[in-house]
Amino acid sequence: MRKFFEKDTWSPYLAGALIGILLGACFLVGHKIGVSSGVARVSALIEYAVAPASIEPGSFFEKLLSDHVIFDWKILFISGLFLGAWLATWVATEQAPPKNTIWIRRYGDSKAKRYFAAFIGGFLLLFGARLSEGCTSGQAISGGAQLSVVSWIFMLTLFAIGIPVSYLLYKTPDS
């Protein structure tokens, strides 16, 4: 069984089927797959622990904490993501990840520059997703499965902008 998990790549059909099974199970119990609302809940819990008086009645954080439950399924889902990433790293072979030669050729070997660019890109992606009432996983997987117009517009816009931007960012001077 471990040999199966040590493969360099999985079949996209198997991965898609497993995500579909997880999504179906979540729908059966009345939940959707998504992460950003769990992150918002963690932020609300931190603010409540540090400065409970700063949470105003009727605010977004107050609504998130209105059920008086600390560890709900969203926080467990996020914890499962971290646990799954750790398990995947533990099971994976001891090889170093391949260097991003396209990035290095275009922008150099600075880790700080690469991390900053990744942070800005992730921030913009999450900002856009939250602006459209969800997160990338919630919009793409849960919203797409429910044929939500907002989710489909988000994902089509993501690809319509992401493909040309990635071409501009990674275009080498000789190409």
N, C-alpha and C. Protein backbone atom coordinates (compact mmCIF):
# COMPACT_ATOMS: atom_id res chain seq x y z
N MET A 1 0.83 -1.20 0.00
CA MET A 1 0.00 0.00 0.00
C MET A 1 0.87 1.26 0.00
N ARG A 2 1.97 1.22 0.77
CA ARG A 2 2.83 2.39 0.84
C ARG A 2 3.42 2.72 -0.52
N LYS A 3 3.73 1.71 -1.34
CA LYS A 3 4.27 1.93 -2.68
C LYS A 3 3.32 2.79 -3.52
N PHE A 4 2.02 2.57 -3.33
CA PHE A 4 1.03 3.36 -4.08
C PHE A 4 1.15 4.84 -3.74
N PHE A 5 1.32 5.15 -2.46
CA PHE A 5 1.39 6.54 -2.02
C PHE A 5 2.74 7.18 -2.33
N GLU A 6 3.76 6.36 -2.62
CA GLU A 6 5.08 6.90 -2.93
C GLU A 6 5.24 7.25 -4.41
N LYS A 7 4.22 7.04 -5.21
CA LYS A 7 4.30 7.38 -6.63
C LYS A 7 4.58 8.87 -6.80
N ASP A 8 5.31 9.21 -7.86
CA ASP A 8 5.58 10.61 -8.15
C ASP A 8 4.31 11.36 -8.51
N THR A 9 3.43 10.73 -9.24
CA THR A 9 2.16 11.36 -9.62
C THR A 9 1.03 10.36 -9.46
N TRP A 10 -0.13 10.89 -9.22
CA TRP A 10 -1.34 10.07 -9.16
C TRP A 10 -2.14 10.30 -10.43
N SER A 11 -2.99 9.37 -10.73
CA SER A 11 -3.90 9.54 -11.85
C SER A 11 -4.85 10.69 -11.55
N PRO A 12 -5.01 11.64 -12.48
CA PRO A 12 -5.95 12.73 -12.22
C PRO A 12 -7.39 12.22 -12.10
N TYR A 13 -7.67 11.10 -12.73
CA TYR A 13 -9.01 10.52 -12.64
C TYR A 13 -9.28 9.98 -11.24
N LEU A 14 -8.26 9.30 -10.67
CA LEU A 14 -8.40 8.79 -9.31
C LEU A 14 -8.52 9.94 -8.32
N ALA A 15 -7.65 10.95 -8.47
CA ALA A 15 -7.71 12.10 -7.56
C ALA A 15 -9.06 12.80 -7.67
N GLY A 16 -9.56 12.98 -8.90
CA GLY A 16 -10.87 13.61 -9.10
C GLY A 16 -11.99 12.80 -8.49
N ALA A 17 -11.91 11.47 -8.65
CA ALA A 17 -12.94 10.60 -8.07
C ALA A 17 -12.91 10.67 -6.54
N LEU A 18 -11.73 10.70 -5.96
CA LEU A 18 -11.62 10.79 -4.50
C LEU A 18 -12.17 12.13 -3.99
N ILE A 19 -11.87 13.22 -4.70
CA ILE A 19 -12.42 14.53 -4.32
C ILE A 19 -13.93 14.51 -4.46
N GLY A 20 -14.43 13.87 -5.52
CA GLY A 20 -15.88 13.76 -5.70
C GLY A 20 -16.55 12.98 -4.58
N ILE A 21 -15.92 11.91 -4.14
CA ILE A 21 -16.46 11.12 -3.02
C ILE A 21 -16.48 11.96 -1.75
N LEU A 22 -15.37 12.69 -1.49
CA LEU A 22 -15.31 13.56 -0.32
C LEU A 22 -16.38 14.65 -0.40
N LEU A 23 -16.54 15.25 -1.57
CA LEU A 23 -17.55 16.28 -1.75
C LEU A 23 -18.96 15.73 -1.53
N GLY A 24 -19.23 14.55 -2.07
CA GLY A 24 -20.54 13.93 -1.87
C GLY A 24 -20.81 13.64 -0.40
N ALA A 25 -19.79 13.15 0.31
CA ALA A 25 -19.95 12.88 1.75
C ALA A 25 -20.21 14.18 2.51
N CYS A 26 -19.50 15.24 2.14
CA CYS A 26 -19.72 16.54 2.79
C CYS A 26 -21.13 17.04 2.53
N PHE A 27 -21.60 16.94 1.29
CA PHE A 27 -22.95 17.38 0.96
C PHE A 27 -24.00 16.59 1.73
N LEU A 28 -23.75 15.28 1.91
CA LEU A 28 -24.71 14.44 2.63
C LEU A 28 -24.90 14.90 4.08
N VAL A 29 -23.84 15.40 4.69
CA VAL A 29 -23.95 15.85 6.08
C VAL A 29 -24.18 17.36 6.19
N GLY A 30 -24.41 18.01 5.05
CA GLY A 30 -24.78 19.43 5.07
C GLY A 30 -23.64 20.42 5.06
N HIS A 31 -22.46 20.00 4.58
CA HIS A 31 -21.31 20.91 4.53
C HIS A 31 -20.80 21.01 3.11
N LYS A 32 -19.94 22.00 2.90
CA LYS A 32 -19.27 22.19 1.61
C LYS A 32 -17.77 22.20 1.86
N ILE A 33 -17.01 21.83 0.83
CA ILE A 33 -15.56 21.88 0.94
C ILE A 33 -15.13 23.32 0.74
N GLY A 34 -14.34 23.82 1.66
CA GLY A 34 -13.81 25.18 1.58
C GLY A 34 -12.94 25.45 2.79
N VAL A 35 -12.00 26.36 2.63
CA VAL A 35 -11.04 26.61 3.69
C VAL A 35 -11.12 28.02 4.26
N SER A 36 -11.43 29.01 3.43
CA SER A 36 -11.31 30.40 3.88
C SER A 36 -12.24 30.73 5.04
N SER A 37 -13.42 30.13 5.09
CA SER A 37 -14.31 30.40 6.23
C SER A 37 -13.73 29.83 7.52
N GLY A 38 -12.99 28.73 7.43
CA GLY A 38 -12.31 28.19 8.61
C GLY A 38 -11.18 29.09 9.06
N VAL A 39 -10.46 29.67 8.10
CA VAL A 39 -9.39 30.61 8.44
C VAL A 39 -10.00 31.85 9.09
N ALA A 40 -11.13 32.32 8.57
CA ALA A 40 -11.81 33.47 9.17
C ALA A 40 -12.25 33.13 10.58
N ARG A 41 -12.72 31.91 10.81
CA ARG A 41 -13.15 31.49 12.15
C ARG A 41 -11.96 31.47 13.11
N VAL A 42 -10.81 30.96 12.65
CA VAL A 42 -9.61 30.96 13.49
C VAL A 42 -9.23 32.40 13.83
N SER A 43 -9.31 33.31 12.85
CA SER A 43 -9.01 34.72 13.10
C SER A 43 -9.97 35.30 14.14
N ALA A 44 -11.24 34.96 14.04
CA ALA A 44 -12.22 35.44 15.01
C ALA A 44 -11.93 34.90 16.40
N LEU A 45 -11.55 33.62 16.48
CA LEU A 45 -11.22 33.02 17.78
C LEU A 45 -9.99 33.69 18.40
N ILE A 46 -9.00 34.00 17.57
CA ILE A 46 -7.80 34.67 18.08
C ILE A 46 -8.17 36.06 18.59
N GLU A 47 -8.96 36.80 17.80
CA GLU A 47 -9.36 38.13 18.24
C GLU A 47 -10.18 38.05 19.53
N TYR A 48 -11.06 37.06 19.63
CA TYR A 48 -11.86 36.89 20.84
C TYR A 48 -10.99 36.58 22.05
N ALA A 49 -9.94 35.79 21.83
CA ALA A 49 -9.03 35.44 22.94
C ALA A 49 -8.19 36.64 23.36
N VAL A 50 -7.79 37.48 22.41
CA VAL A 50 -6.91 38.60 22.71
C VAL A 50 -7.68 39.84 23.15
N ALA A 51 -8.74 40.17 22.43
CA ALA A 51 -9.49 41.41 22.72
C ALA A 51 -10.98 41.18 22.45
N PRO A 52 -11.67 40.47 23.35
CA PRO A 52 -13.08 40.14 23.10
C PRO A 52 -13.98 41.36 22.96
N ALA A 53 -13.63 42.46 23.60
CA ALA A 53 -14.47 43.66 23.53
C ALA A 53 -14.43 44.30 22.15
N SER A 54 -13.42 43.98 21.34
CA SER A 54 -13.30 44.60 20.02
C SER A 54 -14.24 43.98 18.98
N ILE A 55 -14.85 42.86 19.31
CA ILE A 55 -15.80 42.23 18.38
C ILE A 55 -17.17 42.88 18.58
N GLU A 56 -17.55 43.65 17.58
CA GLU A 56 -18.79 44.42 17.68
C GLU A 56 -20.01 43.54 17.39
N PRO A 57 -21.13 43.83 18.03
CA PRO A 57 -22.37 43.09 17.75
C PRO A 57 -22.77 43.25 16.28
N GLY A 58 -23.13 42.16 15.67
CA GLY A 58 -23.55 42.17 14.28
C GLY A 58 -22.40 42.12 13.28
N SER A 59 -21.16 42.13 13.77
CA SER A 59 -20.01 42.09 12.87
C SER A 59 -19.82 40.67 12.31
N PHE A 60 -18.98 40.58 11.30
CA PHE A 60 -18.70 39.29 10.67
C PHE A 60 -18.14 38.30 11.68
N PHE A 61 -17.17 38.74 12.51
CA PHE A 61 -16.58 37.86 13.50
C PHE A 61 -17.61 37.44 14.55
N GLU A 62 -18.50 38.34 14.93
CA GLU A 62 -19.53 37.99 15.92
C GLU A 62 -20.46 36.92 15.36
N LYS A 63 -20.78 37.03 14.08
CA LYS A 63 -21.64 36.01 13.45
C LYS A 63 -20.92 34.66 13.38
N LEU A 64 -19.61 34.69 13.12
CA LEU A 64 -18.84 33.45 13.07
C LEU A 64 -18.80 32.74 14.42
N LEU A 65 -18.81 33.51 15.49
CA LEU A 65 -18.69 32.94 16.84
C LEU A 65 -20.04 32.77 17.53
N SER A 66 -21.14 33.07 16.84
CA SER A 66 -22.46 33.05 17.49
C SER A 66 -22.90 31.66 17.94
N ASP A 67 -22.33 30.60 17.35
CA ASP A 67 -22.73 29.25 17.77
C ASP A 67 -21.99 28.78 19.03
N HIS A 68 -21.01 29.56 19.49
CA HIS A 68 -20.24 29.28 20.71
C HIS A 68 -19.51 27.93 20.65
N VAL A 69 -19.18 27.49 19.44
CA VAL A 69 -18.42 26.25 19.26
C VAL A 69 -17.01 26.64 18.85
N ILE A 70 -16.02 26.09 19.52
CA ILE A 70 -14.64 26.44 19.19
C ILE A 70 -14.13 25.59 18.03
N PHE A 71 -14.14 24.28 18.19
CA PHE A 71 -13.62 23.40 17.17
C PHE A 71 -14.75 22.80 16.35
N ASP A 72 -15.16 23.52 15.32
CA ASP A 72 -16.20 23.00 14.44
C ASP A 72 -15.54 22.24 13.29
N TRP A 73 -16.33 21.77 12.35
CA TRP A 73 -15.81 20.95 11.26
C TRP A 73 -14.83 21.72 10.38
N LYS A 74 -14.99 23.05 10.26
CA LYS A 74 -14.09 23.83 9.41
C LYS A 74 -12.67 23.83 9.97
N ILE A 75 -12.55 23.96 11.26
CA ILE A 75 -11.23 23.94 11.88
C ILE A 75 -10.64 22.53 11.80
N LEU A 76 -11.47 21.52 11.97
CA LEU A 76 -11.00 20.14 11.83
C LEU A 76 -10.56 19.87 10.39
N PHE A 77 -11.27 20.44 9.41
CA PHE A 77 -10.92 20.28 8.00
C PHE A 77 -9.54 20.90 7.73
N ILE A 78 -9.31 22.10 8.25
CA ILE A 78 -8.01 22.75 8.08
C ILE A 78 -6.92 21.95 8.77
N SER A 79 -7.22 21.44 9.97
CA SER A 79 -6.25 20.59 10.67
C SER A 79 -5.93 19.35 9.86
N GLY A 80 -6.95 18.79 9.23
CA GLY A 80 -6.75 17.62 8.37
C GLY A 80 -5.88 17.93 7.16
N LEU A 81 -5.98 19.15 6.64
CA LEU A 81 -5.11 19.54 5.52
C LEU A 81 -3.65 19.55 5.95
N PHE A 82 -3.39 20.13 7.13
CA PHE A 82 -2.01 20.15 7.63
C PHE A 82 -1.52 18.74 7.94
N LEU A 83 -2.37 17.93 8.55
CA LEU A 83 -1.99 16.55 8.86
C LEU A 83 -1.73 15.77 7.57
N GLY A 84 -2.59 15.94 6.58
CA GLY A 84 -2.40 15.26 5.29
C GLY A 84 -1.13 15.69 4.60
N ALA A 85 -0.81 16.98 4.65
CA ALA A 85 0.44 17.47 4.04
C ALA A 85 1.64 16.87 4.75
N TRP A 86 1.56 16.81 6.08
CA TRP A 86 2.67 16.22 6.84
C TRP A 86 2.82 14.73 6.51
N LEU A 87 1.70 14.01 6.45
CA LEU A 87 1.76 12.58 6.11
C LEU A 87 2.31 12.36 4.71
N ALA A 88 1.89 13.20 3.77
CA ALA A 88 2.39 13.08 2.40
C ALA A 88 3.90 13.30 2.35
N THR A 89 4.38 14.26 3.13
CA THR A 89 5.82 14.52 3.18
C THR A 89 6.54 13.35 3.83
N TRP A 90 5.97 12.78 4.85
CA TRP A 90 6.57 11.66 5.56
C TRP A 90 6.64 10.41 4.68
N VAL A 91 5.59 10.18 3.91
CA VAL A 91 5.52 8.99 3.06
C VAL A 91 6.38 9.15 1.81
N ALA A 92 6.51 10.38 1.33
CA ALA A 92 7.23 10.63 0.09
C ALA A 92 8.69 10.22 0.21
N THR A 93 9.28 9.97 -0.93
CA THR A 93 10.69 9.61 -0.93
C THR A 93 11.52 10.81 -0.48
N GLU A 94 12.74 10.57 -0.15
CA GLU A 94 13.62 11.59 0.44
C GLU A 94 14.26 12.50 -0.60
N GLN A 95 13.71 12.58 -1.79
CA GLN A 95 14.30 13.41 -2.83
C GLN A 95 14.01 14.89 -2.56
N ALA A 96 14.97 15.72 -2.94
CA ALA A 96 14.75 17.16 -2.87
C ALA A 96 13.80 17.55 -4.00
N PRO A 97 12.92 18.51 -3.77
CA PRO A 97 12.02 18.92 -4.84
C PRO A 97 12.80 19.53 -6.00
N PRO A 98 12.31 19.36 -7.22
CA PRO A 98 13.04 19.93 -8.36
C PRO A 98 13.02 21.45 -8.30
N LYS A 99 14.11 22.05 -8.73
CA LYS A 99 14.18 23.52 -8.75
C LYS A 99 13.29 24.04 -9.87
N ASN A 100 12.71 25.19 -9.63
CA ASN A 100 11.88 25.84 -10.64
C ASN A 100 12.82 26.57 -11.59
N THR A 101 13.28 25.85 -12.60
CA THR A 101 14.29 26.42 -13.50
C THR A 101 13.75 27.58 -14.32
N ILE A 102 12.47 27.58 -14.63
CA ILE A 102 11.90 28.70 -15.39
C ILE A 102 11.95 29.97 -14.55
N TRP A 103 11.56 29.88 -13.28
CA TRP A 103 11.61 31.04 -12.38
C TRP A 103 13.05 31.52 -12.22
N ILE A 104 13.96 30.59 -11.98
CA ILE A 104 15.36 30.94 -11.75
C ILE A 104 15.94 31.63 -12.98
N ARG A 105 15.65 31.11 -14.17
CA ARG A 105 16.17 31.70 -15.40
C ARG A 105 15.62 33.12 -15.60
N ARG A 106 14.38 33.34 -15.20
CA ARG A 106 13.73 34.64 -15.43
C ARG A 106 14.04 35.66 -14.33
N TYR A 107 14.03 35.21 -13.05
CA TYR A 107 14.12 36.16 -11.93
C TYR A 107 15.30 35.93 -10.99
N GLY A 108 16.05 34.88 -11.21
CA GLY A 108 17.19 34.60 -10.33
C GLY A 108 16.85 33.59 -9.25
N ASP A 109 17.83 33.31 -8.40
CA ASP A 109 17.71 32.24 -7.40
C ASP A 109 17.31 32.75 -6.01
N SER A 110 16.84 33.99 -5.91
CA SER A 110 16.49 34.57 -4.61
C SER A 110 15.22 33.94 -4.06
N LYS A 111 15.37 33.26 -2.92
CA LYS A 111 14.20 32.66 -2.27
C LYS A 111 13.26 33.74 -1.75
N ALA A 112 13.82 34.83 -1.24
CA ALA A 112 12.99 35.91 -0.71
C ALA A 112 12.09 36.49 -1.80
N LYS A 113 12.65 36.69 -2.99
CA LYS A 113 11.86 37.23 -4.10
C LYS A 113 10.75 36.24 -4.50
N ARG A 114 11.09 34.95 -4.55
CA ARG A 114 10.11 33.94 -4.93
C ARG A 114 9.00 33.83 -3.88
N TYR A 115 9.37 33.85 -2.60
CA TYR A 115 8.37 33.77 -1.54
C TYR A 115 7.47 35.00 -1.53
N PHE A 116 8.07 36.17 -1.77
CA PHE A 116 7.28 37.41 -1.82
C PHE A 116 6.28 37.36 -2.98
N ALA A 117 6.73 36.91 -4.14
CA ALA A 117 5.85 36.81 -5.29
C ALA A 117 4.73 35.79 -5.03
N ALA A 118 5.07 34.67 -4.40
CA ALA A 118 4.06 33.67 -4.07
C ALA A 118 3.05 34.21 -3.07
N PHE A 119 3.53 34.97 -2.09
CA PHE A 119 2.63 35.56 -1.10
C PHE A 119 1.68 36.56 -1.75
N ILE A 120 2.20 37.45 -2.58
CA ILE A 120 1.36 38.44 -3.27
C ILE A 120 0.34 37.75 -4.17
N GLY A 121 0.79 36.76 -4.93
CA GLY A 121 -0.14 36.02 -5.80
C GLY A 121 -1.22 35.31 -5.01
N GLY A 122 -0.83 34.67 -3.92
CA GLY A 122 -1.82 33.99 -3.07
C GLY A 122 -2.78 34.97 -2.43
N PHE A 123 -2.25 36.11 -1.98
CA PHE A 123 -3.11 37.13 -1.39
C PHE A 123 -4.14 37.63 -2.39
N LEU A 124 -3.71 37.94 -3.61
CA LEU A 124 -4.64 38.43 -4.64
C LEU A 124 -5.69 37.38 -4.98
N LEU A 125 -5.26 36.13 -5.06
CA LEU A 125 -6.20 35.06 -5.37
C LEU A 125 -7.23 34.90 -4.26
N LEU A 126 -6.78 34.89 -3.02
CA LEU A 126 -7.72 34.76 -1.89
C LEU A 126 -8.61 35.98 -1.75
N PHE A 127 -8.07 37.17 -2.00
CA PHE A 127 -8.88 38.38 -1.94
C PHE A 127 -10.01 38.32 -2.96
N GLY A 128 -9.68 37.92 -4.18
CA GLY A 128 -10.70 37.80 -5.21
C GLY A 128 -11.74 36.73 -4.88
N ALA A 129 -11.27 35.63 -4.31
CA ALA A 129 -12.19 34.55 -3.96
C ALA A 129 -13.13 34.98 -2.84
N ARG A 130 -12.59 35.63 -1.82
CA ARG A 130 -13.46 36.09 -0.72
C ARG A 130 -14.40 37.18 -1.20
N LEU A 131 -13.95 38.01 -2.13
CA LEU A 131 -14.80 39.05 -2.70
C LEU A 131 -16.00 38.42 -3.41
N SER A 132 -15.79 37.23 -3.96
CA SER A 132 -16.89 36.54 -4.64
C SER A 132 -17.57 35.53 -3.72
N GLU A 133 -17.47 35.76 -2.42
CA GLU A 133 -18.19 34.96 -1.40
C GLU A 133 -17.67 33.54 -1.24
N GLY A 134 -16.38 33.34 -1.31
CA GLY A 134 -15.87 32.00 -1.09
C GLY A 134 -14.36 31.95 -1.17
N CYS A 135 -13.82 30.76 -1.21
CA CYS A 135 -12.40 30.58 -1.39
C CYS A 135 -12.19 29.77 -2.66
N THR A 136 -10.96 29.62 -3.06
CA THR A 136 -10.71 28.92 -4.31
C THR A 136 -11.23 27.48 -4.27
N SER A 137 -11.00 26.79 -3.16
CA SER A 137 -11.50 25.42 -3.08
C SER A 137 -13.02 25.39 -3.00
N GLY A 138 -13.58 26.30 -2.23
CA GLY A 138 -15.04 26.36 -2.12
C GLY A 138 -15.69 26.74 -3.43
N GLN A 139 -15.10 27.72 -4.12
CA GLN A 139 -15.67 28.16 -5.40
C GLN A 139 -15.52 27.07 -6.45
N ALA A 140 -14.31 26.54 -6.59
CA ALA A 140 -14.05 25.59 -7.68
C ALA A 140 -14.73 24.24 -7.45
N ILE A 141 -14.62 23.72 -6.25
CA ILE A 141 -15.12 22.36 -6.01
C ILE A 141 -16.59 22.38 -5.62
N SER A 142 -16.90 23.00 -4.49
CA SER A 142 -18.28 22.99 -4.01
C SER A 142 -19.20 23.81 -4.89
N GLY A 143 -18.81 25.05 -5.19
CA GLY A 143 -19.65 25.91 -6.02
C GLY A 143 -19.79 25.39 -7.43
N GLY A 144 -18.69 24.90 -7.99
CA GLY A 144 -18.74 24.34 -9.35
C GLY A 144 -19.65 23.13 -9.42
N ALA A 145 -19.61 22.27 -8.41
CA ALA A 145 -20.46 21.09 -8.39
C ALA A 145 -21.93 21.45 -8.26
N GLN A 146 -22.21 22.59 -7.61
CA GLN A 146 -23.60 23.03 -7.44
C GLN A 146 -24.06 23.92 -8.62
N LEU A 147 -23.18 24.08 -9.61
CA LEU A 147 -23.44 24.91 -10.79
C LEU A 147 -23.76 26.36 -10.41
N SER A 148 -23.06 26.85 -9.40
CA SER A 148 -23.21 28.24 -8.97
C SER A 148 -22.64 29.17 -10.03
N VAL A 149 -23.43 30.13 -10.45
CA VAL A 149 -22.99 31.07 -11.49
C VAL A 149 -21.76 31.85 -11.00
N VAL A 150 -21.79 32.32 -9.77
CA VAL A 150 -20.67 33.08 -9.21
C VAL A 150 -19.40 32.22 -9.23
N SER A 151 -19.51 30.96 -8.86
CA SER A 151 -18.35 30.08 -8.84
C SER A 151 -17.79 29.87 -10.24
N TRP A 152 -18.65 29.66 -11.21
CA TRP A 152 -18.19 29.45 -12.58
C TRP A 152 -17.56 30.72 -13.14
N ILE A 153 -18.14 31.88 -12.82
CA ILE A 153 -17.54 33.15 -13.26
C ILE A 153 -16.16 33.31 -12.62
N PHE A 154 -16.05 33.00 -11.32
CA PHE A 154 -14.77 33.10 -10.63
C PHE A 154 -13.73 32.22 -11.30
N MET A 155 -14.05 30.95 -11.53
CA MET A 155 -13.07 30.03 -12.09
C MET A 155 -12.71 30.38 -13.53
N LEU A 156 -13.69 30.77 -14.34
CA LEU A 156 -13.39 31.18 -15.71
C LEU A 156 -12.51 32.43 -15.73
N THR A 157 -12.80 33.37 -14.83
CA THR A 157 -11.98 34.58 -14.72
C THR A 157 -10.58 34.23 -14.25
N LEU A 158 -10.48 33.30 -13.29
CA LEU A 158 -9.17 32.87 -12.79
C LEU A 158 -8.30 32.36 -13.93
N PHE A 159 -8.86 31.50 -14.78
CA PHE A 159 -8.09 30.98 -15.90
C PHE A 159 -7.87 32.03 -16.98
N ALA A 160 -8.87 32.85 -17.26
CA ALA A 160 -8.74 33.89 -18.29
C ALA A 160 -7.65 34.90 -17.94
N ILE A 161 -7.45 35.16 -16.65
CA ILE A 161 -6.41 36.09 -16.24
C ILE A 161 -5.11 35.34 -15.92
N GLY A 162 -5.22 34.19 -15.29
CA GLY A 162 -4.04 33.45 -14.84
C GLY A 162 -3.16 32.96 -15.97
N ILE A 163 -3.74 32.51 -17.06
CA ILE A 163 -2.93 31.99 -18.16
C ILE A 163 -2.10 33.10 -18.82
N PRO A 164 -2.71 34.23 -19.21
CA PRO A 164 -1.87 35.29 -19.80
C PRO A 164 -0.84 35.88 -18.81
N VAL A 165 -1.23 36.01 -17.54
CA VAL A 165 -0.28 36.55 -16.56
C VAL A 165 0.89 35.59 -16.37
N SER A 166 0.63 34.30 -16.29
CA SER A 166 1.73 33.35 -16.14
C SER A 166 2.62 33.37 -17.37
N TYR A 167 2.04 33.55 -18.54
CA TYR A 167 2.85 33.67 -19.75
C TYR A 167 3.75 34.90 -19.66
N LEU A 168 3.20 36.02 -19.22
CA LEU A 168 4.01 37.24 -19.09
C LEU A 168 5.10 37.08 -18.02
N LEU A 169 4.76 36.45 -16.89
CA LEU A 169 5.73 36.29 -15.82
C LEU A 169 6.85 35.33 -16.17
N TYR A 170 6.52 34.26 -16.89
CA TYR A 170 7.50 33.22 -17.16
C TYR A 170 8.08 33.26 -18.56
N LYS A 171 7.67 34.20 -19.37
CA LYS A 171 8.20 34.30 -20.72
C LYS A 171 9.69 34.65 -20.62
N THR A 172 10.50 33.83 -21.21
CA THR A 172 11.93 34.11 -21.19
C THR A 172 12.28 35.01 -22.35
N PRO A 173 13.35 35.79 -22.21
CA PRO A 173 13.69 36.73 -23.27
C PRO A 173 13.94 36.05 -24.62
N ASP A 174 14.37 34.80 -24.62
CA ASP A 174 14.65 34.13 -25.89
C ASP A 174 13.44 33.42 -26.49
N SER A 175 12.28 33.46 -25.80
CA SER A 175 11.09 32.77 -26.33
C SER A 175 10.12 33.73 -26.98
